[in-house]
Amino acid sequence: MTMPNGNENPDHRDLWIVVNDVRLDLAEIKGMLKMHVGDSGIHHHPPCKAASDMQKTILSAAGAAILALLSAIGSIIANIMR
């Protein structure tokens, strides 16, 4: 992957550019989610497909994280009980 400086090795300026681009993308996603999901009276009701798909993805990831946490706790308890 070629960096903005034309080289394959990033320098501090390239890292700064990438970090700022990611920050702007996250701010845009946050604004979209807040507008579409946060208050149903502001925009579409029900939320548009892109926001609805992202909401489903976030809920799926949160569910998977909770299941992993429960599994880890169960493994700890099983090892203690031995």
PDB file of N, CA and C in Angstrom:
ATOM      1  N   MET A   1       0.851  -1.179   0.000  1.00  0.00           N
ATOM      2  CA  MET A   1       0.000   0.000   0.000  1.00  0.00           C
ATOM      3  C   MET A   1       0.893   1.236   0.000  1.00  0.00           C
ATOM      4  N   THR A   2       0.637   2.126  -0.894  1.00  0.00           N
ATOM      5  CA  THR A   2       1.437   3.338  -1.003  1.00  0.00           C
ATOM      6  C   THR A   2       0.840   4.422  -0.113  1.00  0.00           C
ATOM      7  N   MET A   3       1.684   5.043   0.663  1.00  0.00           N
ATOM      8  CA  MET A   3       1.274   6.117   1.562  1.00  0.00           C
ATOM      9  C   MET A   3       1.171   7.432   0.784  1.00  0.00           C
ATOM     10  N   PRO A   4       0.550   8.467   1.379  1.00  0.00           N
ATOM     11  CA  PRO A   4       0.446   9.760   0.704  1.00  0.00           C
ATOM     12  C   PRO A   4       1.803  10.370   0.324  1.00  0.00           C
ATOM     13  N   ASN A   5       2.897   9.970   0.999  1.00  0.00           N
ATOM     14  CA  ASN A   5       4.204  10.533   0.652  1.00  0.00           C
ATOM     15  C   ASN A   5       4.829   9.820  -0.541  1.00  0.00           C
ATOM     16  N   GLY A   6       4.124   8.839  -1.132  1.00  0.00           N
ATOM     17  CA  GLY A   6       4.627   8.140  -2.296  1.00  0.00           C
ATOM     18  C   GLY A   6       5.539   6.980  -1.961  1.00  0.00           C
ATOM     19  N   ASN A   7       5.712   6.676  -0.719  1.00  0.00           N
ATOM     20  CA  ASN A   7       6.604   5.629  -0.255  1.00  0.00           C
ATOM     21  C   ASN A   7       5.771   4.549   0.426  1.00  0.00           C
ATOM     22  N   GLU A   8       6.308   3.363   0.568  1.00  0.00           N
ATOM     23  CA  GLU A   8       5.574   2.304   1.262  1.00  0.00           C
ATOM     24  C   GLU A   8       5.755   2.353   2.769  1.00  0.00           C
ATOM     25  N   ASN A   9       6.736   3.102   3.235  1.00  0.00           N
ATOM     26  CA  ASN A   9       6.979   3.246   4.665  1.00  0.00           C
ATOM     27  C   ASN A   9       6.352   4.547   5.154  1.00  0.00           C
ATOM     28  N   PRO A  10       5.399   4.465   6.087  1.00  0.00           N
ATOM     29  CA  PRO A  10       4.741   5.689   6.540  1.00  0.00           C
ATOM     30  C   PRO A  10       5.656   6.525   7.433  1.00  0.00           C
ATOM     31  N   ASP A  11       5.484   7.834   7.341  1.00  0.00           N
ATOM     32  CA  ASP A  11       6.160   8.728   8.275  1.00  0.00           C
ATOM     33  C   ASP A  11       5.093   9.336   9.184  1.00  0.00           C
ATOM     34  N   HIS A  12       5.486  10.243  10.056  1.00  0.00           N
ATOM     35  CA  HIS A  12       4.536  10.818  11.021  1.00  0.00           C
ATOM     36  C   HIS A  12       3.398  11.549  10.330  1.00  0.00           C
ATOM     37  N   ARG A  13       3.703  12.241   9.252  1.00  0.00           N
ATOM     38  CA  ARG A  13       2.657  12.972   8.521  1.00  0.00           C
ATOM     39  C   ARG A  13       1.625  12.010   7.938  1.00  0.00           C
ATOM     40  N   ASP A  14       2.084  10.878   7.390  1.00  0.00           N
ATOM     41  CA  ASP A  14       1.156   9.886   6.842  1.00  0.00           C
ATOM     42  C   ASP A  14       0.260   9.306   7.933  1.00  0.00           C
ATOM     43  N   LEU A  15       0.846   9.002   9.074  1.00  0.00           N
ATOM     44  CA  LEU A  15       0.050   8.475  10.185  1.00  0.00           C
ATOM     45  C   LEU A  15      -0.979   9.495  10.651  1.00  0.00           C
ATOM     46  N   TRP A  16      -0.584  10.767  10.699  1.00  0.00           N
ATOM     47  CA  TRP A  16      -1.504  11.824  11.099  1.00  0.00           C
ATOM     48  C   TRP A  16      -2.669  11.930  10.126  1.00  0.00           C
ATOM     49  N   ILE A  17      -2.380  11.832   8.834  1.00  0.00           N
ATOM     50  CA  ILE A  17      -3.430  11.907   7.810  1.00  0.00           C
ATOM     51  C   ILE A  17      -4.402  10.739   7.970  1.00  0.00           C
ATOM     52  N   VAL A  18      -3.879   9.540   8.155  1.00  0.00           N
ATOM     53  CA  VAL A  18      -4.735   8.363   8.298  1.00  0.00           C
ATOM     54  C   VAL A  18      -5.579   8.456   9.567  1.00  0.00           C
ATOM     55  N   VAL A  19      -4.984   8.876  10.671  1.00  0.00           N
ATOM     56  CA  VAL A  19      -5.726   9.003  11.928  1.00  0.00           C
ATOM     57  C   VAL A  19      -6.848  10.030  11.781  1.00  0.00           C
ATOM     58  N   ASN A  20      -6.576  11.149  11.135  1.00  0.00           N
ATOM     59  CA  ASN A  20      -7.616  12.157  10.942  1.00  0.00           C
ATOM     60  C   ASN A  20      -8.723  11.655  10.021  1.00  0.00           C
ATOM     61  N   ASP A  21      -8.367  10.904   8.971  1.00  0.00           N
ATOM     62  CA  ASP A  21      -9.386  10.340   8.086  1.00  0.00           C
ATOM     63  C   ASP A  21     -10.290   9.371   8.840  1.00  0.00           C
ATOM     64  N   VAL A  22      -9.689   8.530   9.673  1.00  0.00           N
ATOM     65  CA  VAL A  22     -10.479   7.577  10.464  1.00  0.00           C
ATOM     66  C   VAL A  22     -11.368   8.327  11.448  1.00  0.00           C
ATOM     67  N   ARG A  23     -10.826   9.359  12.071  1.00  0.00           N
ATOM     68  CA  ARG A  23     -11.613  10.157  13.023  1.00  0.00           C
ATOM     69  C   ARG A  23     -12.824  10.796  12.336  1.00  0.00           C
ATOM     70  N   LEU A  24     -12.627  11.325  11.133  1.00  0.00           N
ATOM     71  CA  LEU A  24     -13.736  11.930  10.395  1.00  0.00           C
ATOM     72  C   LEU A  24     -14.766  10.879   9.992  1.00  0.00           C
ATOM     73  N   ASP A  25     -14.307   9.687   9.581  1.00  0.00           N
ATOM     74  CA  ASP A  25     -15.236   8.617   9.225  1.00  0.00           C
ATOM     75  C   ASP A  25     -16.070   8.192  10.429  1.00  0.00           C
ATOM     76  N   LEU A  26     -15.423   8.066  11.585  1.00  0.00           N
ATOM     77  CA  LEU A  26     -16.165   7.688  12.794  1.00  0.00           C
ATOM     78  C   LEU A  26     -17.165   8.765  13.195  1.00  0.00           C
ATOM     79  N   ALA A  27     -16.793  10.025  13.042  1.00  0.00           N
ATOM     80  CA  ALA A  27     -17.722  11.110  13.365  1.00  0.00           C
ATOM     81  C   ALA A  27     -18.925  11.075  12.424  1.00  0.00           C
ATOM     82  N   GLU A  28     -18.679  10.762  11.158  1.00  0.00           N
ATOM     83  CA  GLU A  28     -19.775  10.672  10.198  1.00  0.00           C
ATOM     84  C   GLU A  28     -20.711   9.512  10.544  1.00  0.00           C
ATOM     85  N   ILE A  29     -20.135   8.361  10.899  1.00  0.00           N
ATOM     86  CA  ILE A  29     -20.953   7.207  11.286  1.00  0.00           C
ATOM     87  C   ILE A  29     -21.742   7.519  12.549  1.00  0.00           C
ATOM     88  N   LYS A  30     -21.090   8.163  13.519  1.00  0.00           N
ATOM     89  CA  LYS A  30     -21.778   8.517  14.761  1.00  0.00           C
ATOM     90  C   LYS A  30     -22.956   9.444  14.478  1.00  0.00           C
ATOM     91  N   GLY A  31     -22.741  10.438  13.629  1.00  0.00           N
ATOM     92  CA  GLY A  31     -23.822  11.355  13.280  1.00  0.00           C
ATOM     93  C   GLY A  31     -24.958  10.651  12.567  1.00  0.00           C
ATOM     94  N   MET A  32     -24.616   9.732  11.651  1.00  0.00           N
ATOM     95  CA  MET A  32     -25.646   9.003  10.925  1.00  0.00           C
ATOM     96  C   MET A  32     -26.473   8.149  11.877  1.00  0.00           C
ATOM     97  N   LEU A  33     -25.780   7.434  12.776  1.00  0.00           N
ATOM     98  CA  LEU A  33     -26.512   6.593  13.710  1.00  0.00           C
ATOM     99  C   LEU A  33     -27.373   7.417  14.654  1.00  0.00           C
ATOM    100  N   LYS A  34     -26.841   8.535  15.115  1.00  0.00           N
ATOM    101  CA  LYS A  34     -27.610   9.385  16.026  1.00  0.00           C
ATOM    102  C   LYS A  34     -28.857   9.919  15.326  1.00  0.00           C
ATOM    103  N   MET A  35     -28.708  10.302  14.052  1.00  0.00           N
ATOM    104  CA  MET A  35     -29.834  10.852  13.316  1.00  0.00           C
ATOM    105  C   MET A  35     -30.867   9.771  13.006  1.00  0.00           C
ATOM    106  N   HIS A  36     -30.409   8.581  12.608  1.00  0.00           N
ATOM    107  CA  HIS A  36     -31.333   7.559  12.153  1.00  0.00           C
ATOM    108  C   HIS A  36     -31.921   6.725  13.272  1.00  0.00           C
ATOM    109  N   VAL A  37     -31.134   6.452  14.304  1.00  0.00           N
ATOM    110  CA  VAL A  37     -31.565   5.514  15.331  1.00  0.00           C
ATOM    111  C   VAL A  37     -31.937   6.233  16.621  1.00  0.00           C
ATOM    112  N   GLY A  38     -31.244   7.318  16.924  1.00  0.00           N
ATOM    113  CA  GLY A  38     -31.424   7.984  18.206  1.00  0.00           C
ATOM    114  C   GLY A  38     -32.811   8.533  18.448  1.00  0.00           C
ATOM    115  N   ASP A  39     -33.341   9.286  17.511  1.00  0.00           N
ATOM    116  CA  ASP A  39     -34.658   9.902  17.677  1.00  0.00           C
ATOM    117  C   ASP A  39     -35.475   9.623  16.426  1.00  0.00           C
ATOM    118  N   SER A  40     -36.515   8.839  16.568  1.00  0.00           N
ATOM    119  CA  SER A  40     -37.294   8.414  15.401  1.00  0.00           C
ATOM    120  C   SER A  40     -38.041   9.567  14.735  1.00  0.00           C
ATOM    121  N   GLY A  41     -38.232  10.676  15.419  1.00  0.00           N
ATOM    122  CA  GLY A  41     -38.963  11.787  14.841  1.00  0.00           C
ATOM    123  C   GLY A  41     -38.132  12.673  13.932  1.00  0.00           C
ATOM    124  N   ILE A  42     -36.810  12.519  13.962  1.00  0.00           N
ATOM    125  CA  ILE A  42     -35.950  13.388  13.169  1.00  0.00           C
ATOM    126  C   ILE A  42     -35.903  12.973  11.709  1.00  0.00           C
ATOM    127  N   HIS A  43     -35.779  11.675  11.462  1.00  0.00           N
ATOM    128  CA  HIS A  43     -35.570  11.225  10.090  1.00  0.00           C
ATOM    129  C   HIS A  43     -36.569  10.127   9.766  1.00  0.00           C
ATOM    130  N   HIS A  44     -36.141   9.137   9.096  1.00  0.00           N
ATOM    131  CA  HIS A  44     -37.020   8.060   8.660  1.00  0.00           C
ATOM    132  C   HIS A  44     -37.536   7.252   9.840  1.00  0.00           C
ATOM    133  N   HIS A  45     -38.742   6.793   9.715  1.00  0.00           N
ATOM    134  CA  HIS A  45     -39.283   5.860  10.700  1.00  0.00           C
ATOM    135  C   HIS A  45     -40.017   4.775   9.942  1.00  0.00           C
ATOM    136  N   PRO A  46     -39.599   3.560   9.917  1.00  0.00           N
ATOM    137  CA  PRO A  46     -38.423   3.009  10.585  1.00  0.00           C
ATOM    138  C   PRO A  46     -37.133   3.505   9.938  1.00  0.00           C
ATOM    139  N   PRO A  47     -35.996   3.274  10.610  1.00  0.00           N
ATOM    140  CA  PRO A  47     -34.721   3.761  10.074  1.00  0.00           C
ATOM    141  C   PRO A  47     -34.444   3.201   8.679  1.00  0.00           C
ATOM    142  N   CYS A  48     -33.656   3.949   7.893  1.00  0.00           N
ATOM    143  CA  CYS A  48     -33.330   3.490   6.546  1.00  0.00           C
ATOM    144  C   CYS A  48     -32.503   2.213   6.607  1.00  0.00           C
ATOM    145  N   LYS A  49     -32.355   1.536   5.490  1.00  0.00           N
ATOM    146  CA  LYS A  49     -31.722   0.220   5.447  1.00  0.00           C
ATOM    147  C   LYS A  49     -30.288   0.255   5.948  1.00  0.00           C
ATOM    148  N   ALA A  50     -29.503   1.255   5.549  1.00  0.00           N
ATOM    149  CA  ALA A  50     -28.092   1.308   5.981  1.00  0.00           C
ATOM    150  C   ALA A  50     -27.985   1.424   7.496  1.00  0.00           C
ATOM    151  N   ALA A  51     -28.784   2.294   8.096  1.00  0.00           N
ATOM    152  CA  ALA A  51     -28.747   2.459   9.552  1.00  0.00           C
ATOM    153  C   ALA A  51     -29.292   1.223  10.248  1.00  0.00           C
ATOM    154  N   SER A  52     -30.321   0.623   9.693  1.00  0.00           N
ATOM    155  CA  SER A  52     -30.888  -0.581  10.284  1.00  0.00           C
ATOM    156  C   SER A  52     -29.897  -1.739  10.237  1.00  0.00           C
ATOM    157  N   ASP A  53     -29.194  -1.882   9.108  1.00  0.00           N
ATOM    158  CA  ASP A  53     -28.176  -2.938   8.996  1.00  0.00           C
ATOM    159  C   ASP A  53     -27.042  -2.719   9.986  1.00  0.00           C
ATOM    160  N   MET A  54     -26.618  -1.469  10.153  1.00  0.00           N
ATOM    161  CA  MET A  54     -25.541  -1.190  11.098  1.00  0.00           C
ATOM    162  C   MET A  54     -26.002  -1.455  12.524  1.00  0.00           C
ATOM    163  N   GLN A  55     -27.235  -1.123  12.834  1.00  0.00           N
ATOM    164  CA  GLN A  55     -27.769  -1.376  14.165  1.00  0.00           C
ATOM    165  C   GLN A  55     -27.810  -2.879  14.439  1.00  0.00           C
ATOM    166  N   LYS A  56     -28.197  -3.672  13.445  1.00  0.00           N
ATOM    167  CA  LYS A  56     -28.222  -5.123  13.607  1.00  0.00           C
ATOM    168  C   LYS A  56     -26.810  -5.668  13.818  1.00  0.00           C
ATOM    169  N   THR A  57     -25.835  -5.125  13.080  1.00  0.00           N
ATOM    170  CA  THR A  57     -24.454  -5.563  13.224  1.00  0.00           C
ATOM    171  C   THR A  57     -23.927  -5.255  14.620  1.00  0.00           C
ATOM    172  N   ILE A  58     -24.217  -4.058  15.113  1.00  0.00           N
ATOM    173  CA  ILE A  58     -23.767  -3.667  16.455  1.00  0.00           C
ATOM    174  C   ILE A  58     -24.405  -4.564  17.512  1.00  0.00           C
ATOM    175  N   LEU A  59     -25.695  -4.838  17.373  1.00  0.00           N
ATOM    176  CA  LEU A  59     -26.370  -5.701  18.340  1.00  0.00           C
ATOM    177  C   LEU A  59     -25.835  -7.133  18.272  1.00  0.00           C
ATOM    178  N   SER A  60     -25.528  -7.618  17.066  1.00  0.00           N
ATOM    179  CA  SER A  60     -24.954  -8.957  16.929  1.00  0.00           C
ATOM    180  C   SER A  60     -23.577  -9.030  17.580  1.00  0.00           C
ATOM    181  N   ALA A  61     -22.769  -7.997  17.362  1.00  0.00           N
ATOM    182  CA  ALA A  61     -21.428  -7.969  17.970  1.00  0.00           C
ATOM    183  C   ALA A  61     -21.528  -7.903  19.488  1.00  0.00           C
ATOM    184  N   ALA A  62     -22.471  -7.122  19.995  1.00  0.00           N
ATOM    185  CA  ALA A  62     -22.653  -7.032  21.443  1.00  0.00           C
ATOM    186  C   ALA A  62     -23.117  -8.381  22.008  1.00  0.00           C
ATOM    187  N   GLY A  63     -24.011  -9.060  21.309  1.00  0.00           N
ATOM    188  CA  GLY A  63     -24.457 -10.383  21.744  1.00  0.00           C
ATOM    189  C   GLY A  63     -23.323 -11.393  21.757  1.00  0.00           C
ATOM    190  N   ALA A  64     -22.487 -11.365  20.716  1.00  0.00           N
ATOM    191  CA  ALA A  64     -21.340 -12.272  20.661  1.00  0.00           C
ATOM    192  C   ALA A  64     -20.362 -11.980  21.792  1.00  0.00           C
ATOM    193  N   ALA A  65     -20.156 -10.703  22.106  1.00  0.00           N
ATOM    194  CA  ALA A  65     -19.250 -10.339  23.201  1.00  0.00           C
ATOM    195  C   ALA A  65     -19.798 -10.826  24.538  1.00  0.00           C
ATOM    196  N   ILE A  66     -21.097 -10.725  24.735  1.00  0.00           N
ATOM    197  CA  ILE A  66     -21.707 -11.200  25.992  1.00  0.00           C
ATOM    198  C   ILE A  66     -21.581 -12.718  26.103  1.00  0.00           C
ATOM    199  N   LEU A  67     -21.811 -13.427  24.999  1.00  0.00           N
ATOM    200  CA  LEU A  67     -21.656 -14.881  25.025  1.00  0.00           C
ATOM    201  C   LEU A  67     -20.215 -15.287  25.320  1.00  0.00           C
ATOM    202  N   ALA A  68     -19.245 -14.579  24.738  1.00  0.00           N
ATOM    203  CA  ALA A  68     -17.834 -14.875  24.997  1.00  0.00           C
ATOM    204  C   ALA A  68     -17.497 -14.619  26.464  1.00  0.00           C
ATOM    205  N   LEU A  69     -18.040 -13.541  27.014  1.00  0.00           N
ATOM    206  CA  LEU A  69     -17.805 -13.233  28.423  1.00  0.00           C
ATOM    207  C   LEU A  69     -18.395 -14.309  29.330  1.00  0.00           C
ATOM    208  N   LEU A  70     -19.600 -14.738  29.029  1.00  0.00           N
ATOM    209  CA  LEU A  70     -20.226 -15.804  29.820  1.00  0.00           C
ATOM    210  C   LEU A  70     -19.435 -17.106  29.707  1.00  0.00           C
ATOM    211  N   SER A  71     -18.943 -17.397  28.520  1.00  0.00           N
ATOM    212  CA  SER A  71     -18.131 -18.599  28.324  1.00  0.00           C
ATOM    213  C   SER A  71     -16.839 -18.529  29.134  1.00  0.00           C
ATOM    214  N   ALA A  72     -16.202 -17.365  29.132  1.00  0.00           N
ATOM    215  CA  ALA A  72     -14.968 -17.193  29.907  1.00  0.00           C
ATOM    216  C   ALA A  72     -15.236 -17.351  31.399  1.00  0.00           C
ATOM    217  N   ILE A  73     -16.318 -16.783  31.869  1.00  0.00           N
ATOM    218  CA  ILE A  73     -16.672 -16.917  33.290  1.00  0.00           C
ATOM    219  C   ILE A  73     -16.968 -18.375  33.619  1.00  0.00           C
ATOM    220  N   GLY A  74     -17.681 -19.069  32.727  1.00  0.00           N
ATOM    221  CA  GLY A  74     -17.956 -20.482  32.948  1.00  0.00           C
ATOM    222  C   GLY A  74     -16.688 -21.313  32.983  1.00  0.00           C
ATOM    223  N   SER A  75     -15.731 -21.003  32.118  1.00  0.00           N
ATOM    224  CA  SER A  75     -14.458 -21.734  32.123  1.00  0.00           C
ATOM    225  C   SER A  75     -13.680 -21.489  33.417  1.00  0.00           C
ATOM    226  N   ILE A  76     -13.703 -20.267  33.885  1.00  0.00           N
ATOM    227  CA  ILE A  76     -13.023 -19.959  35.156  1.00  0.00           C
ATOM    228  C   ILE A  76     -13.662 -20.731  36.307  1.00  0.00           C
ATOM    229  N   ILE A  77     -14.975 -20.732  36.346  1.00  0.00           N
ATOM    230  CA  ILE A  77     -15.688 -21.448  37.413  1.00  0.00           C
ATOM    231  C   ILE A  77     -15.412 -22.954  37.311  1.00  0.00           C
ATOM    232  N   ALA A  78     -15.403 -23.507  36.094  1.00  0.00           N
ATOM    233  CA  ALA A  78     -15.138 -24.940  35.918  1.00  0.00           C
ATOM    234  C   ALA A  78     -13.731 -25.294  36.392  1.00  0.00           C
ATOM    235  N   ASN A  79     -12.760 -24.423  36.127  1.00  0.00           N
ATOM    236  CA  ASN A  79     -11.387 -24.692  36.583  1.00  0.00           C
ATOM    237  C   ASN A  79     -11.271 -24.575  38.090  1.00  0.00           C
ATOM    238  N   ILE A  80     -12.008 -23.671  38.700  1.00  0.00           N
ATOM    239  CA  ILE A  80     -11.973 -23.519  40.165  1.00  0.00           C
ATOM    240  C   ILE A  80     -12.610 -24.727  40.840  1.00  0.00           C
ATOM    241  N   MET A  81     -13.679 -25.264  40.233  1.00  0.00           N
ATOM    242  CA  MET A  81     -14.415 -26.388  40.832  1.00  0.00           C
ATOM    243  C   MET A  81     -13.635 -27.694  40.772  1.00  0.00           C
ATOM    244  N   ARG A  82     -12.656 -27.807  39.889  1.00  0.00           N
ATOM    245  CA  ARG A  82     -11.900 -29.048  39.782  1.00  0.00           C
ATOM    246  C   ARG A  82     -11.154 -29.305  40.993  1.00  0.00           C
TER     247      ARG A  82
END
